[in-house]
Structures are given as structure tokens and as C-alpha cells.
Amino acid sequence: QVQLVESGGGLMQAGGSLRLSCVASGIIFSKNIMSWYRQVPGKQRELVASIASGGVTNYADSVKGRFTISRDNPKNTVHLQMNNLKPDDTAIYYCNARSYPRSWGQGTQVTVSS
């Protein structure tokens, strides 16, 4: 059974930083492309960043230069370091494993005040 548990969200002022974590179980973590998505109520979930098993990363234009995705394969964990946060970053953040596109965790709420 695939389980994804996100943590690290919170309330932050614009310009601040947060570090999100997602622990995965029930998957071969090291072989999966891992991604972070975010969703605002009433809008589609959008891809924020992804990292391949070998460490190659990809970012949405809106977060390039501010967010960094990383992974710790022995700990089955993927992180999202978010710097210089903006109010538009406010959303629920979810992680996902590419081989299990329908498996989602509960997400972690990030709220950025201006």
C-alpha cells in the first residue's frame, strides 16, 4: 500500500522560508521520480518541482530560483526548500511518486501573508 505523508507547512510572512518533507512507503522510492504539487481551492493541482532518481530536477517557472527539491533515498524522503515565499505560493502542497499517479497524501498547508 502506497503511503505519502507530507509535513512542514505553516504560516509565513512574505520573504520567509519553509522546508517541506514527504516520507513515502510502499514504493521502491529510489527508482521513482518524485514530485511536489500544489493546489488552491477551485483550481487545478499544479506541478511545482520534480526530481528524478539520479537527481535531475525540474521546476515550474513560478518557483525557479526560489524553491529547491531534494531527495534522501535511504530515508525514502523528498524535501522542498522554499525561500523568498510570496502570497501566491499559498496552497496545499502534495508529493507524488510518478509510478503511482493516483496516490496522494493528505497534503500540508502553506499560507504566506503579505
C-alpha atoms as a PDB file:
ATOM      1  CA  GLN A   1       0.000   0.000   0.000  1.00  0.00           C
ATOM      2  CA  VAL A   2       1.389   3.350  -1.068  1.00  0.00           C
ATOM      3  CA  GLN A   3       1.550   5.962   1.657  1.00  0.00           C
ATOM      4  CA  LEU A   4       2.784   9.524   1.317  1.00  0.00           C
ATOM      5  CA  VAL A   5       2.981  11.731   4.396  1.00  0.00           C
ATOM      6  CA  GLU A   6       3.706  15.427   3.926  1.00  0.00           C
ATOM      7  CA  SER A   7       4.773  17.792   6.687  1.00  0.00           C
ATOM      8  CA  GLY A   8       6.432  21.134   7.280  1.00  0.00           C
ATOM      9  CA  GLY A   9       3.782  23.581   6.153  1.00  0.00           C
ATOM     10  CA  GLY A  10       2.674  26.576   8.131  1.00  0.00           C
ATOM     11  CA  LEU A  11       2.007  30.298   8.182  1.00  0.00           C
ATOM     12  CA  MET A  12       4.831  32.512   6.996  1.00  0.00           C
ATOM     13  CA  GLN A  13       5.278  36.133   6.059  1.00  0.00           C
ATOM     14  CA  ALA A  14       6.273  37.021   2.525  1.00  0.00           C
ATOM     15  CA  GLY A  15      10.021  36.690   2.078  1.00  0.00           C
ATOM     16  CA  GLY A  16      10.287  33.889   4.583  1.00  0.00           C
ATOM     17  CA  SER A  17      11.285  30.253   4.135  1.00  0.00           C
ATOM     18  CA  LEU A  18       9.768  26.855   4.788  1.00  0.00           C
ATOM     19  CA  ARG A  19      11.030  23.320   4.262  1.00  0.00           C
ATOM     20  CA  LEU A  20       8.514  20.651   3.353  1.00  0.00           C
ATOM     21  CA  SER A  21       9.135  16.936   3.751  1.00  0.00           C
ATOM     22  CA  CYS A  22       7.375  13.888   2.375  1.00  0.00           C
ATOM     23  CA  VAL A  23       8.016  10.365   3.599  1.00  0.00           C
ATOM     24  CA  ALA A  24       6.987   7.594   1.240  1.00  0.00           C
ATOM     25  CA  SER A  25       6.300   3.944   1.966  1.00  0.00           C
ATOM     26  CA  GLY A  26       5.024   1.042  -0.087  1.00  0.00           C
ATOM     27  CA  ILE A  27       7.063   2.043  -3.149  1.00  0.00           C
ATOM     28  CA  ILE A  28      10.565   1.491  -4.479  1.00  0.00           C
ATOM     29  CA  PHE A  29      11.465   5.061  -3.642  1.00  0.00           C
ATOM     30  CA  SER A  30      14.919   5.170  -5.205  1.00  0.00           C
ATOM     31  CA  LYS A  31      13.546   4.234  -8.631  1.00  0.00           C
ATOM     32  CA  ASN A  32      10.724   6.756  -8.668  1.00  0.00           C
ATOM     33  CA  ILE A  33      10.582  10.288  -9.970  1.00  0.00           C
ATOM     34  CA  MET A  34       9.225  12.262  -7.025  1.00  0.00           C
ATOM     35  CA  SER A  35       7.298  15.481  -7.409  1.00  0.00           C
ATOM     36  CA  TRP A  36       5.721  18.250  -5.403  1.00  0.00           C
ATOM     37  CA  TYR A  37       2.380  19.662  -6.486  1.00  0.00           C
ATOM     38  CA  ARG A  38       0.233  22.395  -5.039  1.00  0.00           C
ATOM     39  CA  GLN A  39      -3.445  23.181  -5.175  1.00  0.00           C
ATOM     40  CA  VAL A  40      -5.558  26.188  -4.360  1.00  0.00           C
ATOM     41  CA  PRO A  41      -9.289  25.583  -3.765  1.00  0.00           C
ATOM     42  CA  GLY A  42     -11.186  25.893  -7.020  1.00  0.00           C
ATOM     43  CA  LYS A  43      -8.080  25.463  -9.173  1.00  0.00           C
ATOM     44  CA  GLN A  44      -6.309  22.509 -10.723  1.00  0.00           C
ATOM     45  CA  ARG A  45      -3.407  20.913  -8.977  1.00  0.00           C
ATOM     46  CA  GLU A  46      -0.156  22.203 -10.499  1.00  0.00           C
ATOM     47  CA  LEU A  47       3.301  20.698 -10.682  1.00  0.00           C
ATOM     48  CA  VAL A  48       5.835  22.669  -8.650  1.00  0.00           C
ATOM     49  CA  ALA A  49       9.014  20.605  -8.894  1.00  0.00           C
ATOM     50  CA  SER A  50      10.211  17.106  -9.636  1.00  0.00           C
ATOM     51  CA  ILE A  51      13.390  15.122  -9.089  1.00  0.00           C
ATOM     52  CA  ALA A  52      14.465  12.006 -10.918  1.00  0.00           C
ATOM     53  CA  SER A  53      16.127   9.039  -9.303  1.00  0.00           C
ATOM     54  CA  GLY A  54      19.507  10.294 -10.452  1.00  0.00           C
ATOM     55  CA  GLY A  55      18.905  13.767  -9.082  1.00  0.00           C
ATOM     56  CA  VAL A  56      17.905  15.679 -12.211  1.00  0.00           C
ATOM     57  CA  THR A  57      15.419  18.379 -11.213  1.00  0.00           C
ATOM     58  CA  ASN A  58      12.694  20.337 -12.935  1.00  0.00           C
ATOM     59  CA  TYR A  59      10.790  23.405 -11.692  1.00  0.00           C
ATOM     60  CA  ALA A  60       7.756  25.415 -12.602  1.00  0.00           C
ATOM     61  CA  ASP A  61       8.730  28.847 -13.904  1.00  0.00           C
ATOM     62  CA  SER A  62       6.941  30.493 -10.990  1.00  0.00           C
ATOM     63  CA  VAL A  63       9.288  28.925  -8.413  1.00  0.00           C
ATOM     64  CA  LYS A  64      12.617  28.765 -10.268  1.00  0.00           C
ATOM     65  CA  GLY A  65      15.385  30.321  -8.243  1.00  0.00           C
ATOM     66  CA  ARG A  66      13.324  30.227  -5.038  1.00  0.00           C
ATOM     67  CA  PHE A  67      12.463  26.559  -4.449  1.00  0.00           C
ATOM     68  CA  THR A  68      14.817  23.578  -4.302  1.00  0.00           C
ATOM     69  CA  ILE A  69      13.722  19.950  -4.411  1.00  0.00           C
ATOM     70  CA  SER A  70      15.967  17.255  -2.985  1.00  0.00           C
ATOM     71  CA  ARG A  71      15.703  13.608  -2.049  1.00  0.00           C
ATOM     72  CA  ASP A  72      17.150  11.286   0.558  1.00  0.00           C
ATOM     73  CA  ASN A  73      16.798   7.793  -0.864  1.00  0.00           C
ATOM     74  CA  PRO A  74      17.864   5.845   2.258  1.00  0.00           C
ATOM     75  CA  LYS A  75      15.147   7.667   4.199  1.00  0.00           C
ATOM     76  CA  ASN A  76      12.500   7.487   1.452  1.00  0.00           C
ATOM     77  CA  THR A  77      12.087  11.231   1.810  1.00  0.00           C
ATOM     78  CA  VAL A  78      11.747  14.115  -0.601  1.00  0.00           C
ATOM     79  CA  HIS A  79      12.109  17.723   0.522  1.00  0.00           C
ATOM     80  CA  LEU A  80      11.068  21.069  -0.876  1.00  0.00           C
ATOM     81  CA  GLN A  81      13.039  24.052   0.384  1.00  0.00           C
ATOM     82  CA  MET A  82      11.004  27.175  -0.269  1.00  0.00           C
ATOM     83  CA  ASN A  83      12.732  30.548   0.014  1.00  0.00           C
ATOM     84  CA  ASN A  84      11.540  34.080  -0.638  1.00  0.00           C
ATOM     85  CA  LEU A  85       7.947  32.964  -0.268  1.00  0.00           C
ATOM     86  CA  LYS A  86       5.210  35.001  -1.912  1.00  0.00           C
ATOM     87  CA  PRO A  87       1.470  35.204  -1.165  1.00  0.00           C
ATOM     88  CA  ASP A  88       0.860  33.401  -4.489  1.00  0.00           C
ATOM     89  CA  ASP A  89       2.632  30.360  -3.010  1.00  0.00           C
ATOM     90  CA  THR A  90      -0.293  29.868  -0.639  1.00  0.00           C
ATOM     91  CA  ALA A  91      -1.717  26.401  -1.316  1.00  0.00           C
ATOM     92  CA  ILE A  92      -1.893  22.853  -0.083  1.00  0.00           C
ATOM     93  CA  TYR A  93       1.293  21.072  -1.096  1.00  0.00           C
ATOM     94  CA  TYR A  94       1.329  17.388  -2.009  1.00  0.00           C
ATOM     95  CA  CYS A  95       4.041  14.964  -3.004  1.00  0.00           C
ATOM     96  CA  ASN A  96       3.621  12.238  -5.578  1.00  0.00           C
ATOM     97  CA  ALA A  97       5.513   9.270  -6.950  1.00  0.00           C
ATOM     98  CA  ARG A  98       5.467   9.055 -10.754  1.00  0.00           C
ATOM     99  CA  SER A  99       4.708   5.329 -10.808  1.00  0.00           C
ATOM    100  CA  TYR A 100       1.620   5.868  -8.616  1.00  0.00           C
ATOM    101  CA  PRO A 101      -0.144   8.861 -10.139  1.00  0.00           C
ATOM    102  CA  ARG A 102      -3.387   8.313  -8.209  1.00  0.00           C
ATOM    103  CA  SER A 103      -1.763   8.017  -4.799  1.00  0.00           C
ATOM    104  CA  TRP A 104      -1.760  11.208  -2.778  1.00  0.00           C
ATOM    105  CA  GLY A 105      -1.168  12.093   0.829  1.00  0.00           C
ATOM    106  CA  GLN A 106      -3.182  14.492   2.933  1.00  0.00           C
ATOM    107  CA  GLY A 107      -1.008  17.415   1.904  1.00  0.00           C
ATOM    108  CA  THR A 108       0.433  20.193   4.021  1.00  0.00           C
ATOM    109  CA  GLN A 109      -0.972  23.724   4.080  1.00  0.00           C
ATOM    110  CA  VAL A 110       1.325  26.625   3.267  1.00  0.00           C
ATOM    111  CA  THR A 111      -0.018  30.116   3.887  1.00  0.00           C
ATOM    112  CA  VAL A 112       2.023  33.185   3.019  1.00  0.00           C
ATOM    113  CA  SER A 113       0.861  36.559   4.258  1.00  0.00           C
ATOM    114  CA  SER A 114       1.800  39.836   2.621  1.00  0.00           C
END
